[in-house]
Amino acid sequence: MSAKDTALKILEGSNVGTMATVYKVKPHSRYMTFFHDDFTLYTATSNDTDKVEELEKNPYTHILIGYDGDGVGDTYLEILGKATVSDDESMKEKVWNEKLEGWFDGPDDPKLVILKIEPESMRVMNKKGQPPQEVTL
């Protein structure tokens, strides 16, 4: 299986990962729920969060997704991407699901924004017996 196929399989089977931003020149990481369209990632957040402020100052983010916690041999993705903050209504509708009701009143909630992450590089990590594999995007 190619690195690209493996990456898509990981994205299709995983939606929780860590997302790191830069806060006062130091990394700041948190768990996020991701949705994907091919290799572009989307995640919902509130417009008044630290991550939005951090991404407006520096749009680059580092994401780890796919690790199941089983230990050695758990294949996951390492993604370096550029994020944009969007309040586009069609994007909100695309990402909206009932799990977001714990944080937002609905897809038209004025605090809801969508982070769109376009990968600049991606690697398949921890594939048994193999070094990291660069994914050609």
Protein backbone atom coordinates (compact mmCIF):
# COMPACT_ATOMS: atom_id res chain seq x y z
CA MET A 1 0.00 0.00 0.00
CA SER A 2 1.41 3.42 -0.95
CA ALA A 3 2.03 6.12 1.66
CA LYS A 4 -0.82 8.14 0.12
CA ASP A 5 -3.25 5.21 0.38
CA THR A 6 -2.13 4.54 3.96
CA ALA A 7 -2.64 8.22 4.83
CA LEU A 8 -6.18 8.21 3.43
CA LYS A 9 -6.97 5.01 5.32
CA ILE A 10 -5.77 6.63 8.56
CA LEU A 11 -7.85 9.76 7.92
CA GLU A 12 -10.92 7.66 7.18
CA GLY A 13 -10.51 5.67 10.40
CA SER A 14 -9.51 8.46 12.79
CA ASN A 15 -11.02 11.78 13.65
CA VAL A 16 -9.37 12.73 16.95
CA GLY A 17 -5.85 14.07 16.96
CA THR A 18 -3.61 16.68 18.50
CA MET A 19 -3.20 20.12 17.00
CA ALA A 20 -0.26 22.31 17.95
CA THR A 21 0.01 26.05 17.49
CA VAL A 22 2.58 28.58 18.68
CA TYR A 23 1.87 30.55 21.87
CA LYS A 24 4.48 33.14 22.85
CA VAL A 25 7.15 31.29 20.81
CA LYS A 26 6.36 27.96 22.50
CA PRO A 27 4.26 25.03 21.29
CA HIS A 28 0.68 24.77 22.54
CA SER A 29 -1.13 21.52 21.83
CA ARG A 30 -4.70 20.30 22.28
CA TYR A 31 -6.97 17.48 21.18
CA MET A 32 -9.31 18.28 18.31
CA THR A 33 -11.89 16.43 16.24
CA PHE A 34 -11.10 16.53 12.53
CA PHE A 35 -13.10 15.95 9.37
CA HIS A 36 -11.42 15.55 6.01
CA ASP A 37 -12.09 16.07 2.34
CA ASP A 38 -9.31 14.24 0.55
CA PHE A 39 -6.24 15.56 2.44
CA THR A 40 -7.70 18.88 3.59
CA LEU A 41 -8.69 18.82 7.26
CA TYR A 42 -11.48 20.77 8.95
CA THR A 43 -12.26 21.29 12.62
CA ALA A 44 -14.84 23.38 14.45
CA THR A 45 -13.96 25.81 17.22
CA SER A 46 -15.11 29.01 18.84
CA ASN A 47 -13.94 32.36 17.50
CA ASP A 48 -12.85 33.44 20.99
CA THR A 49 -10.37 30.60 21.66
CA ASP A 50 -6.63 30.91 22.12
CA LYS A 51 -6.03 28.72 19.07
CA VAL A 52 -7.82 31.16 16.78
CA GLU A 53 -5.75 34.05 18.12
CA GLU A 54 -2.56 31.99 17.78
CA LEU A 55 -3.36 30.93 14.20
CA GLU A 56 -4.12 34.52 13.20
CA LYS A 57 -0.59 35.44 14.32
CA ASN A 58 1.04 32.32 12.85
CA PRO A 59 -1.14 30.12 10.59
CA TYR A 60 1.10 27.06 10.73
CA THR A 61 0.01 24.04 12.72
CA HIS A 62 1.31 20.57 13.44
CA ILE A 63 -1.19 17.70 13.69
CA LEU A 64 -0.83 14.10 14.84
CA ILE A 65 -3.74 11.81 13.99
CA GLY A 66 -4.33 8.08 13.83
CA TYR A 67 -2.59 6.68 16.91
CA ASP A 68 -4.90 4.16 18.61
CA GLY A 69 -2.85 3.70 21.77
CA ASP A 70 -1.96 0.08 21.10
CA GLY A 71 1.75 0.83 21.26
CA VAL A 72 4.54 -0.23 18.93
CA GLY A 73 3.35 -0.42 15.35
CA ASP A 74 0.42 1.97 15.70
CA THR A 75 0.61 3.84 12.41
CA TYR A 76 -0.26 7.53 12.52
CA LEU A 77 0.09 10.71 10.46
CA GLU A 78 2.30 13.69 11.14
CA ILE A 79 0.97 16.74 9.28
CA LEU A 80 2.41 20.22 8.87
CA GLY A 81 -0.28 22.50 7.54
CA LYS A 82 -1.42 26.05 7.07
CA ALA A 83 -4.72 26.92 8.73
CA THR A 84 -7.30 29.51 7.80
CA VAL A 85 -10.16 30.59 10.05
CA SER A 86 -13.51 30.73 8.26
CA ASP A 87 -17.02 31.76 9.23
CA ASP A 88 -18.35 30.75 5.81
CA GLU A 89 -21.89 29.41 6.21
CA SER A 90 -21.49 26.58 3.68
CA MET A 91 -18.34 25.37 5.44
CA LYS A 92 -20.16 25.43 8.80
CA GLU A 93 -22.99 23.36 7.32
CA LYS A 94 -20.48 20.90 5.85
CA VAL A 95 -18.76 20.30 9.20
CA TRP A 96 -21.78 20.56 11.51
CA ASN A 97 -22.97 17.47 13.41
CA GLU A 98 -24.97 16.92 16.58
CA LYS A 99 -21.82 16.31 18.66
CA LEU A 100 -21.09 20.04 18.34
CA GLU A 101 -24.35 20.88 20.17
CA GLY A 102 -22.45 20.71 23.47
CA TRP A 103 -20.54 23.84 22.46
CA PHE A 104 -22.71 25.66 19.92
CA ASP A 105 -26.40 26.47 19.42
CA GLY A 106 -26.27 25.31 15.82
CA PRO A 107 -24.40 25.91 12.56
CA ASP A 108 -25.56 29.55 12.61
CA ASP A 109 -24.05 30.23 16.07
CA PRO A 110 -22.00 33.44 15.65
CA LYS A 111 -19.14 32.01 17.74
CA LEU A 112 -18.71 28.95 15.49
CA VAL A 113 -15.79 29.10 13.07
CA ILE A 114 -14.17 26.37 11.01
CA LEU A 115 -10.43 25.87 10.79
CA LYS A 116 -9.40 24.66 7.36
CA ILE A 117 -5.98 23.02 7.38
CA GLU A 118 -4.23 22.54 4.06
CA PRO A 119 -1.26 20.18 4.46
CA GLU A 120 2.14 21.35 3.26
CA SER A 121 3.78 18.08 4.24
CA MET A 122 2.58 14.77 5.60
CA ARG A 123 4.36 11.65 6.79
CA VAL A 124 3.15 8.17 7.69
CA MET A 125 4.84 7.33 10.98
CA ASN A 126 5.49 4.15 12.96
CA LYS A 127 4.59 1.73 10.16
CA LYS A 128 6.05 -1.58 11.34
CA GLY A 129 9.60 -2.06 10.19
CA GLN A 130 9.68 1.05 8.01
CA PRO A 131 11.11 4.54 8.35
CA PRO A 132 8.72 7.52 8.10
CA GLN A 133 7.12 7.70 4.64
CA GLU A 134 6.59 11.05 2.95
CA VAL A 135 3.10 11.39 1.46
CA THR A 136 3.14 13.02 -1.98
CA LEU A 137 0.21 15.43 -2.04
